PDB file of N, CA and C in Angstrom:
ATOM      1  N   MET A   1      -4.556 -10.421  14.606  1.00  0.00           N
ATOM      2  CA  MET A   1      -3.171 -10.097  14.952  1.00  0.00           C
ATOM      3  C   MET A   1      -3.139  -8.978  16.052  1.00  0.00           C
ATOM      4  N   PRO A   2      -2.207  -9.119  17.088  1.00  0.00           N
ATOM      5  CA  PRO A   2      -2.227  -8.387  18.266  1.00  0.00           C
ATOM      6  C   PRO A   2      -1.788  -7.061  17.478  1.00  0.00           C
ATOM      7  N   SER A   3      -2.254  -6.111  18.248  1.00  0.00           N
ATOM      8  CA  SER A   3      -2.018  -4.439  17.826  1.00  0.00           C
ATOM      9  C   SER A   3      -0.668  -4.093  18.258  1.00  0.00           C
ATOM     10  N   THR A   4      -0.170  -4.524  19.103  1.00  0.00           N
ATOM     11  CA  THR A   4       1.277  -4.364  19.794  1.00  0.00           C
ATOM     12  C   THR A   4       2.343  -4.038  18.922  1.00  0.00           C
ATOM     13  N   LEU A   5       2.203  -5.431  17.471  1.00  0.00           N
ATOM     14  CA  LEU A   5       3.135  -5.539  16.668  1.00  0.00           C
ATOM     15  C   LEU A   5       3.439  -4.053  15.755  1.00  0.00           C
ATOM     16  N   THR A   6       4.779  -4.060  15.467  1.00  0.00           N
ATOM     17  CA  THR A   6       4.880  -3.076  14.286  1.00  0.00           C
ATOM     18  C   THR A   6       4.426  -3.335  12.951  1.00  0.00           C
ATOM     19  N   LYS A   7       4.161  -2.572  12.353  1.00  0.00           N
ATOM     20  CA  LYS A   7       3.671  -2.600  10.848  1.00  0.00           C
ATOM     21  C   LYS A   7       4.542  -3.807  10.237  1.00  0.00           C
ATOM     22  N   THR A   8       5.869  -3.675  10.289  1.00  0.00           N
ATOM     23  CA  THR A   8       6.858  -4.658   9.711  1.00  0.00           C
ATOM     24  C   THR A   8       6.588  -5.819  10.258  1.00  0.00           C
ATOM     25  N   GLN A   9       6.418  -5.993  11.848  1.00  0.00           N
ATOM     26  CA  GLN A   9       6.153  -7.362  12.169  1.00  0.00           C
ATOM     27  C   GLN A   9       4.938  -8.006  11.938  1.00  0.00           C
ATOM     28  N   ARG A  10       3.904  -7.042  11.652  1.00  0.00           N
ATOM     29  CA  ARG A  10       2.643  -7.561  11.459  1.00  0.00           C
ATOM     30  C   ARG A  10       2.711  -8.040   9.820  1.00  0.00           C
ATOM     31  N   MET A  11       3.523  -7.701   9.115  1.00  0.00           N
ATOM     32  CA  MET A  11       3.837  -7.962   7.703  1.00  0.00           C
ATOM     33  C   MET A  11       4.435  -9.278   7.423  1.00  0.00           C
ATOM     34  N   ARG A  12       5.675  -9.311   8.360  1.00  0.00           N
ATOM     35  CA  ARG A  12       6.296 -10.677   8.409  1.00  0.00           C
ATOM     36  C   ARG A  12       5.473 -11.968   9.029  1.00  0.00           C
ATOM     37  N   ALA A  13       4.681 -11.437  10.117  1.00  0.00           N
ATOM     38  CA  ALA A  13       3.650 -12.283  10.434  1.00  0.00           C
ATOM     39  C   ALA A  13       2.711 -12.870   9.594  1.00  0.00           C
ATOM     40  N   LEU A  14       2.210 -12.020   8.485  1.00  0.00           N
ATOM     41  CA  LEU A  14       1.324 -12.459   7.604  1.00  0.00           C
ATOM     42  C   LEU A  14       2.040 -13.362   6.623  1.00  0.00           C
ATOM     43  N   LEU A  15       3.217 -13.112   6.150  1.00  0.00           N
ATOM     44  CA  LEU A  15       3.812 -13.806   5.108  1.00  0.00           C
ATOM     45  C   LEU A  15       4.142 -15.082   5.489  1.00  0.00           C
ATOM     46  N   LYS A  16       4.597 -15.077   6.860  1.00  0.00           N
ATOM     47  CA  LYS A  16       4.829 -16.490   7.455  1.00  0.00           C
ATOM     48  C   LYS A  16       4.000 -17.460   8.014  1.00  0.00           C
ATOM     49  N   SER A  17       2.737 -16.927   7.833  1.00  0.00           N
ATOM     50  CA  SER A  17       1.292 -17.543   8.143  1.00  0.00           C
ATOM     51  C   SER A  17       1.044 -18.888   7.034  1.00  0.00           C
ATOM     52  N   GLY A  18       1.606 -19.006   6.000  1.00  0.00           N
ATOM     53  CA  GLY A  18       1.631 -19.923   5.018  1.00  0.00           C
ATOM     54  C   GLY A  18       0.148 -19.599   4.375  1.00  0.00           C
ATOM     55  N   LYS A  19      -0.496 -18.603   4.797  1.00  0.00           N
ATOM     56  CA  LYS A  19      -1.783 -18.185   3.992  1.00  0.00           C
ATOM     57  C   LYS A  19      -1.457 -17.153   2.628  1.00  0.00           C
ATOM     58  N   ILE A  20      -2.504 -17.648   1.831  1.00  0.00           N
ATOM     59  CA  ILE A  20      -2.188 -16.492   0.651  1.00  0.00           C
ATOM     60  C   ILE A  20      -2.535 -15.081   1.089  1.00  0.00           C
ATOM     61  N   VAL A  21      -2.002 -14.006   0.960  1.00  0.00           N
ATOM     62  CA  VAL A  21      -2.003 -12.500   1.327  1.00  0.00           C
ATOM     63  C   VAL A  21      -2.229 -11.772  -0.071  1.00  0.00           C
ATOM     64  N   VAL A  22      -3.700 -11.227   0.116  1.00  0.00           N
ATOM     65  CA  VAL A  22      -4.177 -10.683  -0.977  1.00  0.00           C
ATOM     66  C   VAL A  22      -3.913  -8.989  -0.581  1.00  0.00           C
ATOM     67  N   SER A  23      -2.997  -8.554  -1.719  1.00  0.00           N
ATOM     68  CA  SER A  23      -2.634  -7.029  -1.365  1.00  0.00           C
ATOM     69  C   SER A  23      -3.128  -6.083  -2.571  1.00  0.00           C
ATOM     70  N   PRO A  24      -4.361  -5.618  -2.498  1.00  0.00           N
ATOM     71  CA  PRO A  24      -4.895  -4.791  -3.407  1.00  0.00           C
ATOM     72  C   PRO A  24      -3.831  -3.724  -3.975  1.00  0.00           C
ATOM     73  N   GLY A  25      -3.982  -3.033  -4.823  1.00  0.00           N
ATOM     74  CA  GLY A  25      -3.088  -2.077  -5.292  1.00  0.00           C
ATOM     75  C   GLY A  25      -3.894  -0.682  -4.859  1.00  0.00           C
ATOM     76  N   ILE A  26      -2.894   0.199  -4.196  1.00  0.00           N
ATOM     77  CA  ILE A  26      -3.618   1.724  -3.728  1.00  0.00           C
ATOM     78  C   ILE A  26      -2.879   2.689  -4.449  1.00  0.00           C
ATOM     79  N   TYR A  27      -3.662   3.643  -4.744  1.00  0.00           N
ATOM     80  CA  TYR A  27      -2.738   4.905  -5.502  1.00  0.00           C
ATOM     81  C   TYR A  27      -3.258   6.261  -4.622  1.00  0.00           C
ATOM     82  N   ASP A  28      -4.094   6.394  -3.295  1.00  0.00           N
ATOM     83  CA  ASP A  28      -4.171   7.467  -2.899  1.00  0.00           C
ATOM     84  C   ASP A  28      -4.818   6.857  -1.424  1.00  0.00           C
ATOM     85  N   GLY A  29      -5.170   8.137  -0.718  1.00  0.00           N
ATOM     86  CA  GLY A  29      -5.639   8.031   0.900  1.00  0.00           C
ATOM     87  C   GLY A  29      -7.247   7.585   0.757  1.00  0.00           C
ATOM     88  N   TYR A  30      -7.735   7.846  -0.279  1.00  0.00           N
ATOM     89  CA  TYR A  30      -9.124   7.287  -0.461  1.00  0.00           C
ATOM     90  C   TYR A  30      -9.286   5.535  -0.766  1.00  0.00           C
ATOM     91  N   SER A  31      -8.271   5.419  -1.743  1.00  0.00           N
ATOM     92  CA  SER A  31      -8.482   3.894  -2.084  1.00  0.00           C
ATOM     93  C   SER A  31      -7.659   3.274  -1.061  1.00  0.00           C
ATOM     94  N   ALA A  32      -6.931   3.772  -0.074  1.00  0.00           N
ATOM     95  CA  ALA A  32      -6.298   2.924   0.999  1.00  0.00           C
ATOM     96  C   ALA A  32      -7.557   2.427   2.090  1.00  0.00           C
ATOM     97  N   ARG A  33      -8.430   3.660   2.215  1.00  0.00           N
ATOM     98  CA  ARG A  33      -9.354   3.636   3.247  1.00  0.00           C
ATOM     99  C   ARG A  33     -10.360   2.518   2.846  1.00  0.00           C
ATOM    100  N   LEU A  34     -10.837   2.297   1.552  1.00  0.00           N
ATOM    101  CA  LEU A  34     -11.396   1.326   0.703  1.00  0.00           C
ATOM    102  C   LEU A  34     -11.075   0.093   0.884  1.00  0.00           C
ATOM    103  N   VAL A  35      -9.862  -0.186   0.773  1.00  0.00           N
ATOM    104  CA  VAL A  35      -9.081  -1.404   0.841  1.00  0.00           C
ATOM    105  C   VAL A  35      -9.144  -1.645   2.484  1.00  0.00           C
ATOM    106  N   GLU A  36      -8.850  -1.016   3.324  1.00  0.00           N
ATOM    107  CA  GLU A  36      -9.149  -1.069   4.888  1.00  0.00           C
ATOM    108  C   GLU A  36     -10.510  -1.641   5.148  1.00  0.00           C
ATOM    109  N   GLN A  37     -11.419  -0.846   4.629  1.00  0.00           N
ATOM    110  CA  GLN A  37     -12.893  -1.200   4.982  1.00  0.00           C
ATOM    111  C   GLN A  37     -13.351  -2.145   4.578  1.00  0.00           C
ATOM    112  N   ALA A  38     -12.893  -2.974   3.292  1.00  0.00           N
ATOM    113  CA  ALA A  38     -13.235  -4.158   2.749  1.00  0.00           C
ATOM    114  C   ALA A  38     -12.831  -5.332   3.908  1.00  0.00           C
ATOM    115  N   GLY A  39     -11.801  -4.960   4.555  1.00  0.00           N
ATOM    116  CA  GLY A  39     -11.317  -5.943   5.547  1.00  0.00           C
ATOM    117  C   GLY A  39      -9.817  -6.687   5.086  1.00  0.00           C
ATOM    118  N   PHE A  40      -9.154  -5.975   3.800  1.00  0.00           N
ATOM    119  CA  PHE A  40      -7.894  -6.571   3.303  1.00  0.00           C
ATOM    120  C   PHE A  40      -6.793  -6.467   4.587  1.00  0.00           C
ATOM    121  N   GLU A  41      -5.902  -7.136   4.825  1.00  0.00           N
ATOM    122  CA  GLU A  41      -4.916  -7.086   5.917  1.00  0.00           C
ATOM    123  C   GLU A  41      -3.630  -6.388   5.239  1.00  0.00           C
ATOM    124  N   ALA A  42      -3.636  -6.320   4.101  1.00  0.00           N
ATOM    125  CA  ALA A  42      -2.435  -5.758   3.526  1.00  0.00           C
ATOM    126  C   ALA A  42      -2.968  -4.841   2.246  1.00  0.00           C
ATOM    127  N   ALA A  43      -2.100  -3.763   1.688  1.00  0.00           N
ATOM    128  CA  ALA A  43      -2.330  -3.020   0.655  1.00  0.00           C
ATOM    129  C   ALA A  43      -0.904  -2.752   0.060  1.00  0.00           C
ATOM    130  N   SER A  44      -0.742  -2.474  -1.165  1.00  0.00           N
ATOM    131  CA  SER A  44       0.349  -2.133  -1.885  1.00  0.00           C
ATOM    132  C   SER A  44       0.258  -1.054  -2.861  1.00  0.00           C
ATOM    133  N   THR A  45       1.436  -0.313  -3.192  1.00  0.00           N
ATOM    134  CA  THR A  45       1.442   0.714  -4.120  1.00  0.00           C
ATOM    135  C   THR A  45       2.638   0.597  -4.996  1.00  0.00           C
ATOM    136  N   SER A  46       2.707   1.407  -6.070  1.00  0.00           N
ATOM    137  CA  SER A  46       3.831   1.650  -6.792  1.00  0.00           C
ATOM    138  C   SER A  46       4.220   3.194  -7.192  1.00  0.00           C
ATOM    139  N   GLY A  47       5.402   3.173  -7.576  1.00  0.00           N
ATOM    140  CA  GLY A  47       5.397   4.756  -8.117  1.00  0.00           C
ATOM    141  C   GLY A  47       4.743   5.033  -9.615  1.00  0.00           C
ATOM    142  N   ALA A  48       4.508   4.057 -10.255  1.00  0.00           N
ATOM    143  CA  ALA A  48       3.649   4.296 -11.351  1.00  0.00           C
ATOM    144  C   ALA A  48       2.314   4.728 -10.992  1.00  0.00           C
ATOM    145  N   GLY A  49       1.923   3.896 -10.015  1.00  0.00           N
ATOM    146  CA  GLY A  49       0.284   4.229  -9.578  1.00  0.00           C
ATOM    147  C   GLY A  49       0.292   5.783  -8.856  1.00  0.00           C
ATOM    148  N   LEU A  50       1.154   6.025  -8.006  1.00  0.00           N
ATOM    149  CA  LEU A  50       1.295   7.405  -7.534  1.00  0.00           C
ATOM    150  C   LEU A  50       1.483   8.281  -8.529  1.00  0.00           C
ATOM    151  N   ALA A  51       2.247   8.198  -9.494  1.00  0.00           N
ATOM    152  CA  ALA A  51       2.343   9.332 -10.511  1.00  0.00           C
ATOM    153  C   ALA A  51       0.928   9.255 -11.282  1.00  0.00           C
ATOM    154  N   ASN A  52       0.515   8.220 -11.775  1.00  0.00           N
ATOM    155  CA  ASN A  52      -0.521   8.141 -12.624  1.00  0.00           C
ATOM    156  C   ASN A  52      -1.863   9.104 -11.985  1.00  0.00           C
ATOM    157  N   SER A  53      -2.062   8.660 -10.486  1.00  0.00           N
ATOM    158  CA  SER A  53      -3.287   9.502  -9.868  1.00  0.00           C
ATOM    159  C   SER A  53      -2.861  11.145  -9.544  1.00  0.00           C
ATOM    160  N   ARG A  54      -1.671  11.114  -9.159  1.00  0.00           N
ATOM    161  CA  ARG A  54      -1.433  12.271  -8.454  1.00  0.00           C
ATOM    162  C   ARG A  54      -1.113  13.635  -9.681  1.00  0.00           C
ATOM    163  N   LEU A  55      -0.502  12.832 -11.066  1.00  0.00           N
ATOM    164  CA  LEU A  55      -0.201  13.958 -12.035  1.00  0.00           C
ATOM    165  C   LEU A  55      -0.680  13.496 -13.285  1.00  0.00           C
ATOM    166  N   GLY A  56      -1.317  12.568 -13.251  1.00  0.00           N
ATOM    167  CA  GLY A  56      -2.142  11.909 -14.655  1.00  0.00           C
ATOM    168  C   GLY A  56      -0.894  11.727 -15.811  1.00  0.00           C
ATOM    169  N   GLN A  57      -0.050  11.371 -15.422  1.00  0.00           N
ATOM    170  CA  GLN A  57       1.257  11.389 -16.356  1.00  0.00           C
ATOM    171  C   GLN A  57       1.954   9.881 -15.897  1.00  0.00           C
ATOM    172  N   PRO A  58       2.733   9.394 -16.942  1.00  0.00           N
ATOM    173  CA  PRO A  58       3.279   8.274 -16.825  1.00  0.00           C
ATOM    174  C   PRO A  58       4.616   8.302 -15.720  1.00  0.00           C
ATOM    175  N   ASP A  59       4.920   7.100 -15.393  1.00  0.00           N
ATOM    176  CA  ASP A  59       6.077   7.060 -14.177  1.00  0.00           C
ATOM    177  C   ASP A  59       7.388   7.255 -14.878  1.00  0.00           C
ATOM    178  N   ILE A  60       7.938   8.503 -15.122  1.00  0.00           N
ATOM    179  CA  ILE A  60       9.199   8.604 -15.897  1.00  0.00           C
ATOM    180  C   ILE A  60      10.338   8.732 -15.140  1.00  0.00           C
ATOM    181  N   GLY A  61       9.948   9.082 -13.675  1.00  0.00           N
ATOM    182  CA  GLY A  61      11.241   9.359 -12.944  1.00  0.00           C
ATOM    183  C   GLY A  61      10.909  10.821 -12.139  1.00  0.00           C
ATOM    184  N   ILE A  62      10.002  11.469 -12.559  1.00  0.00           N
ATOM    185  CA  ILE A  62       9.664  12.883 -12.098  1.00  0.00           C
ATOM    186  C   ILE A  62       9.317  12.824 -10.987  1.00  0.00           C
ATOM    187  N   MET A  63       8.635  12.127 -10.289  1.00  0.00           N
ATOM    188  CA  MET A  63       8.029  12.143  -8.780  1.00  0.00           C
ATOM    189  C   MET A  63       9.047  11.523  -7.798  1.00  0.00           C
ATOM    190  N   THR A  64       9.413  12.234  -6.993  1.00  0.00           N
ATOM    191  CA  THR A  64      10.246  11.346  -5.588  1.00  0.00           C
ATOM    192  C   THR A  64       9.445  11.627  -4.399  1.00  0.00           C
ATOM    193  N   LEU A  65      10.314  10.970  -3.500  1.00  0.00           N
ATOM    194  CA  LEU A  65       9.466  11.047  -2.100  1.00  0.00           C
ATOM    195  C   LEU A  65       9.178  12.253  -1.497  1.00  0.00           C
ATOM    196  N   ARG A  66       9.781  13.299  -1.881  1.00  0.00           N
ATOM    197  CA  ARG A  66       9.565  14.664  -1.689  1.00  0.00           C
ATOM    198  C   ARG A  66       8.285  15.295  -1.772  1.00  0.00           C
ATOM    199  N   TRP A  67       7.748  14.542  -2.800  1.00  0.00           N
ATOM    200  CA  TRP A  67       6.349  15.055  -3.208  1.00  0.00           C
ATOM    201  C   TRP A  67       5.361  14.793  -2.233  1.00  0.00           C
ATOM    202  N   PHE A  68       5.805  13.626  -0.993  1.00  0.00           N
ATOM    203  CA  PHE A  68       4.682  13.498   0.057  1.00  0.00           C
ATOM    204  C   PHE A  68       5.189  13.489   1.075  1.00  0.00           C
ATOM    205  N   LEU A  69       6.480  14.320   1.320  1.00  0.00           N
ATOM    206  CA  LEU A  69       6.904  14.645   2.766  1.00  0.00           C
ATOM    207  C   LEU A  69       6.392  16.403   2.774  1.00  0.00           C
TER     208      LEU A  69
END
């Protein structure tokens, strides 16, 4: 895919391509780099994944976007 596209445009193009998009779950920068090095075109995360890896606690709404800004 051309690198001139925004991330949103690249994701939309992936979804429109008709191919199956495998999007491994990531929870920190290290896992994101591993997924990138493995050659995946997409990755996903969740609030629970971030809370579990960052705090070692279940996701009960105690983490907000401010934790990462």
